[in-house]
């Protein structure tokens, strides 16, 4: 007999709730629409976006860095390090052509050995991708 009690209470409260809703008319419906994630508000949002296409702003940005490193140590204690870093940045606005740059940095280190002096060299190459020029040929710039 005890296990039936909660189920009865639940059923009674459900019936009561249904009666309340029907007496309040469309108020409950309006409340559920104001929750923000109703189907109607989602459709409305997309219709607004479609109708005001001129004012929609979109921006895409992406940054990637790839690091490749190699070190060698010889039995005589001399050491060499080669490190390659490639960094790419890309950004696009409002459906324009994406603009970005790729920077490649090469780092070389050779430890001093005997009479030889150590070598410590850094080479940086920057390549520009795209360009926001309205007319004329696209120019790719390379700086050393």
C-alpha atoms as a PDB file:
ATOM      1  CA  UNK A   1       0.000   0.000   0.000  1.00  0.00           C
ATOM      2  CA  UNK A   2       2.858   2.430   0.752  1.00  0.00           C
ATOM      3  CA  UNK A   3       4.385   2.378  -2.760  1.00  0.00           C
ATOM      4  CA  UNK A   4       1.159   3.542  -4.400  1.00  0.00           C
ATOM      5  CA  UNK A   5       0.967   6.734  -2.362  1.00  0.00           C
ATOM      6  CA  UNK A   6       3.648   8.835  -4.165  1.00  0.00           C
ATOM      7  CA  UNK A   7       2.283   7.797  -7.550  1.00  0.00           C
ATOM      8  CA  UNK A   8      -1.227   8.890  -6.579  1.00  0.00           C
ATOM      9  CA  UNK A   9      -0.007  12.272  -5.350  1.00  0.00           C
ATOM     10  CA  UNK A  10       1.973  12.779  -8.552  1.00  0.00           C
ATOM     11  CA  UNK A  11      -1.045  11.902 -10.702  1.00  0.00           C
ATOM     12  CA  UNK A  12      -3.314  14.267  -8.746  1.00  0.00           C
ATOM     13  CA  UNK A  13      -0.877  17.171  -9.009  1.00  0.00           C
ATOM     14  CA  UNK A  14      -0.544  16.572 -12.747  1.00  0.00           C
ATOM     15  CA  UNK A  15      -4.311  16.779 -13.238  1.00  0.00           C
ATOM     16  CA  UNK A  16      -4.431  19.927 -11.109  1.00  0.00           C
ATOM     17  CA  UNK A  17      -1.671  21.515 -13.172  1.00  0.00           C
ATOM     18  CA  UNK A  18      -3.511  20.724 -16.405  1.00  0.00           C
ATOM     19  CA  UNK A  19      -6.716  22.309 -15.117  1.00  0.00           C
ATOM     20  CA  UNK A  20      -4.820  25.441 -14.059  1.00  0.00           C
ATOM     21  CA  UNK A  21      -3.258  25.785 -17.494  1.00  0.00           C
ATOM     22  CA  UNK A  22      -6.576  25.478 -19.314  1.00  0.00           C
ATOM     23  CA  UNK A  23      -8.167  28.103 -17.034  1.00  0.00           C
ATOM     24  CA  UNK A  24      -5.304  30.517 -17.704  1.00  0.00           C
ATOM     25  CA  UNK A  25      -5.790  30.269 -21.455  1.00  0.00           C
ATOM     26  CA  UNK A  26      -2.747  31.083 -23.572  1.00  0.00           C
ATOM     27  CA  UNK A  27      -0.664  32.527 -20.742  1.00  0.00           C
ATOM     28  CA  UNK A  28       1.336  29.311 -20.318  1.00  0.00           C
ATOM     29  CA  UNK A  29       2.017  29.240 -24.057  1.00  0.00           C
ATOM     30  CA  UNK A  30       3.354  32.810 -23.988  1.00  0.00           C
ATOM     31  CA  UNK A  31       5.584  31.986 -21.017  1.00  0.00           C
ATOM     32  CA  UNK A  32       7.143  29.040 -22.823  1.00  0.00           C
ATOM     33  CA  UNK A  33       7.838  31.282 -25.834  1.00  0.00           C
ATOM     34  CA  UNK A  34       9.717  33.752 -23.648  1.00  0.00           C
ATOM     35  CA  UNK A  35      12.177  31.122 -22.477  1.00  0.00           C
ATOM     36  CA  UNK A  36      14.519  32.057 -25.333  1.00  0.00           C
ATOM     37  CA  UNK A  37      15.230  28.693 -26.883  1.00  0.00           C
ATOM     38  CA  UNK A  38      11.807  27.976 -28.325  1.00  0.00           C
ATOM     39  CA  UNK A  39      11.606  26.904 -31.940  1.00  0.00           C
ATOM     40  CA  UNK A  40       9.765  30.086 -32.888  1.00  0.00           C
ATOM     41  CA  UNK A  41      12.499  32.371 -31.495  1.00  0.00           C
ATOM     42  CA  UNK A  42      15.199  30.397 -33.321  1.00  0.00           C
ATOM     43  CA  UNK A  43      13.305  30.707 -36.610  1.00  0.00           C
ATOM     44  CA  UNK A  44      12.719  34.415 -35.920  1.00  0.00           C
ATOM     45  CA  UNK A  45      16.430  34.947 -35.287  1.00  0.00           C
ATOM     46  CA  UNK A  46      17.375  33.345 -38.605  1.00  0.00           C
ATOM     47  CA  UNK A  47      14.716  35.368 -40.440  1.00  0.00           C
ATOM     48  CA  UNK A  48      16.136  38.553 -38.916  1.00  0.00           C
ATOM     49  CA  UNK A  49      19.625  37.601 -40.076  1.00  0.00           C
ATOM     50  CA  UNK A  50      18.325  36.872 -43.585  1.00  0.00           C
ATOM     51  CA  UNK A  51      16.360  40.136 -43.786  1.00  0.00           C
ATOM     52  CA  UNK A  52      19.223  42.341 -42.579  1.00  0.00           C
ATOM     53  CA  UNK A  53      22.025  40.707 -44.540  1.00  0.00           C
ATOM     54  CA  UNK A  54      23.740  44.061 -45.044  1.00  0.00           C
ATOM     55  CA  UNK A  55      24.435  44.567 -41.352  1.00  0.00           C
ATOM     56  CA  UNK A  56      25.783  41.132 -40.467  1.00  0.00           C
ATOM     57  CA  UNK A  57      29.488  41.231 -39.614  1.00  0.00           C
ATOM     58  CA  UNK A  58      31.584  38.116 -39.626  1.00  0.00           C
ATOM     59  CA  UNK A  59      35.253  37.668 -38.853  1.00  0.00           C
ATOM     60  CA  UNK A  60      37.402  34.565 -38.926  1.00  0.00           C
ATOM     61  CA  UNK A  61      40.844  34.354 -37.374  1.00  0.00           C
ATOM     62  CA  UNK A  62      43.214  31.440 -37.219  1.00  0.00           C
ATOM     63  CA  UNK A  63      46.757  31.062 -35.885  1.00  0.00           C
ATOM     64  CA  UNK A  64      48.904  27.965 -36.175  1.00  0.00           C
ATOM     65  CA  UNK A  65      52.485  27.369 -35.073  1.00  0.00           C
ATOM     66  CA  UNK A  66      54.555  24.340 -35.997  1.00  0.00           C
ATOM     67  CA  UNK A  67      57.852  23.791 -34.191  1.00  0.00           C
ATOM     68  CA  UNK A  68      60.388  21.237 -35.350  1.00  0.00           C
ATOM     69  CA  UNK A  69      63.540  20.888 -33.275  1.00  0.00           C
ATOM     70  CA  UNK A  70      66.582  18.650 -33.676  1.00  0.00           C
ATOM     71  CA  UNK A  71      69.628  18.553 -31.397  1.00  0.00           C
ATOM     72  CA  UNK A  72      72.720  16.426 -31.860  1.00  0.00           C
ATOM     73  CA  UNK A  73      75.401  15.817 -29.274  1.00  0.00           C
ATOM     74  CA  UNK A  74      78.629  14.208 -30.405  1.00  0.00           C
ATOM     75  CA  UNK A  75      80.801  11.953 -28.281  1.00  0.00           C
ATOM     76  CA  UNK A  76      83.471  14.695 -28.126  1.00  0.00           C
ATOM     77  CA  UNK A  77      81.020  17.028 -26.389  1.00  0.00           C
ATOM     78  CA  UNK A  78      80.237  19.301 -29.334  1.00  0.00           C
ATOM     79  CA  UNK A  79      76.602  20.067 -29.878  1.00  0.00           C
ATOM     80  CA  UNK A  80      74.374  21.315 -32.674  1.00  0.00           C
ATOM     81  CA  UNK A  81      70.774  22.478 -32.507  1.00  0.00           C
ATOM     82  CA  UNK A  82      68.474  23.070 -35.478  1.00  0.00           C
ATOM     83  CA  UNK A  83      65.080  24.545 -34.797  1.00  0.00           C
ATOM     84  CA  UNK A  84      62.423  25.350 -37.390  1.00  0.00           C
ATOM     85  CA  UNK A  85      59.379  27.403 -36.396  1.00  0.00           C
ATOM     86  CA  UNK A  86      56.595  27.994 -38.908  1.00  0.00           C
ATOM     87  CA  UNK A  87      53.880  30.376 -37.748  1.00  0.00           C
ATOM     88  CA  UNK A  88      50.797  31.094 -39.833  1.00  0.00           C
ATOM     89  CA  UNK A  89      48.109  33.697 -39.230  1.00  0.00           C
ATOM     90  CA  UNK A  90      44.964  34.031 -41.307  1.00  0.00           C
ATOM     91  CA  UNK A  91      42.018  36.409 -40.977  1.00  0.00           C
ATOM     92  CA  UNK A  92      38.950  36.949 -43.154  1.00  0.00           C
ATOM     93  CA  UNK A  93      36.291  39.669 -42.896  1.00  0.00           C
ATOM     94  CA  UNK A  94      32.810  39.738 -44.434  1.00  0.00           C
ATOM     95  CA  UNK A  95      33.498  37.196 -47.140  1.00  0.00           C
ATOM     96  CA  UNK A  96      36.554  39.051 -48.443  1.00  0.00           C
ATOM     97  CA  UNK A  97      39.583  37.092 -49.546  1.00  0.00           C
ATOM     98  CA  UNK A  98      41.463  35.764 -46.497  1.00  0.00           C
ATOM     99  CA  UNK A  99      44.585  37.741 -45.638  1.00  0.00           C
ATOM    100  CA  UNK A 100      47.499  36.435 -43.652  1.00  0.00           C
ATOM    101  CA  UNK A 101      51.170  35.785 -43.359  1.00  0.00           C
ATOM    102  CA  UNK A 102      53.485  32.858 -42.849  1.00  0.00           C
ATOM    103  CA  UNK A 103      56.628  33.432 -40.803  1.00  0.00           C
ATOM    104  CA  UNK A 104      59.386  30.843 -40.858  1.00  0.00           C
ATOM    105  CA  UNK A 105      62.236  31.163 -38.370  1.00  0.00           C
ATOM    106  CA  UNK A 106      65.257  28.886 -38.646  1.00  0.00           C
ATOM    107  CA  UNK A 107      67.628  28.776 -35.704  1.00  0.00           C
ATOM    108  CA  UNK A 108      71.021  27.080 -35.960  1.00  0.00           C
ATOM    109  CA  UNK A 109      73.496  26.664 -33.131  1.00  0.00           C
ATOM    110  CA  UNK A 110      76.869  24.957 -33.325  1.00  0.00           C
ATOM    111  CA  UNK A 111      78.901  24.791 -30.123  1.00  0.00           C
ATOM    112  CA  UNK A 112      82.536  25.980 -30.245  1.00  0.00           C
ATOM    113  CA  UNK A 113      84.888  23.089 -31.028  1.00  0.00           C
ATOM    114  CA  UNK A 114      88.657  23.303 -30.715  1.00  0.00           C
ATOM    115  CA  UNK A 115      89.806  26.410 -32.587  1.00  0.00           C
ATOM    116  CA  UNK A 116      86.436  26.863 -34.341  1.00  0.00           C
ATOM    117  CA  UNK A 117      84.148  29.545 -33.008  1.00  0.00           C
ATOM    118  CA  UNK A 118      80.557  28.666 -32.285  1.00  0.00           C
ATOM    119  CA  UNK A 119      77.866  29.379 -34.839  1.00  0.00           C
ATOM    120  CA  UNK A 120      74.612  31.009 -33.774  1.00  0.00           C
ATOM    121  CA  UNK A 121      72.388  31.909 -36.711  1.00  0.00           C
ATOM    122  CA  UNK A 122      68.741  32.973 -37.009  1.00  0.00           C
ATOM    123  CA  UNK A 123      66.988  33.333 -40.377  1.00  0.00           C
ATOM    124  CA  UNK A 124      63.454  34.720 -40.550  1.00  0.00           C
ATOM    125  CA  UNK A 125      61.353  34.674 -43.727  1.00  0.00           C
ATOM    126  CA  UNK A 126      57.920  36.306 -43.854  1.00  0.00           C
ATOM    127  CA  UNK A 127      55.513  35.646 -46.714  1.00  0.00           C
ATOM    128  CA  UNK A 128      52.303  37.664 -47.068  1.00  0.00           C
ATOM    129  CA  UNK A 129      49.195  35.846 -48.243  1.00  0.00           C
ATOM    130  CA  UNK A 130      46.397  37.639 -50.105  1.00  0.00           C
ATOM    131  CA  UNK A 131      45.857  41.366 -49.889  1.00  0.00           C
ATOM    132  CA  UNK A 132      42.960  43.779 -49.563  1.00  0.00           C
ATOM    133  CA  UNK A 133      43.731  45.592 -52.824  1.00  0.00           C
ATOM    134  CA  UNK A 134      40.649  46.303 -54.915  1.00  0.00           C
ATOM    135  CA  UNK A 135      42.404  46.087 -58.300  1.00  0.00           C
ATOM    136  CA  UNK A 136      45.737  45.207 -59.859  1.00  0.00           C
ATOM    137  CA  UNK A 137      47.786  42.039 -59.705  1.00  0.00           C
ATOM    138  CA  UNK A 138      48.273  40.275 -56.406  1.00  0.00           C
ATOM    139  CA  UNK A 139      51.792  40.775 -55.105  1.00  0.00           C
ATOM    140  CA  UNK A 140      53.402  38.318 -52.729  1.00  0.00           C
ATOM    141  CA  UNK A 141      56.059  39.961 -50.580  1.00  0.00           C
ATOM    142  CA  UNK A 142      59.004  38.074 -49.149  1.00  0.00           C
ATOM    143  CA  UNK A 143      61.231  39.675 -46.533  1.00  0.00           C
ATOM    144  CA  UNK A 144      64.488  38.205 -45.302  1.00  0.00           C
END
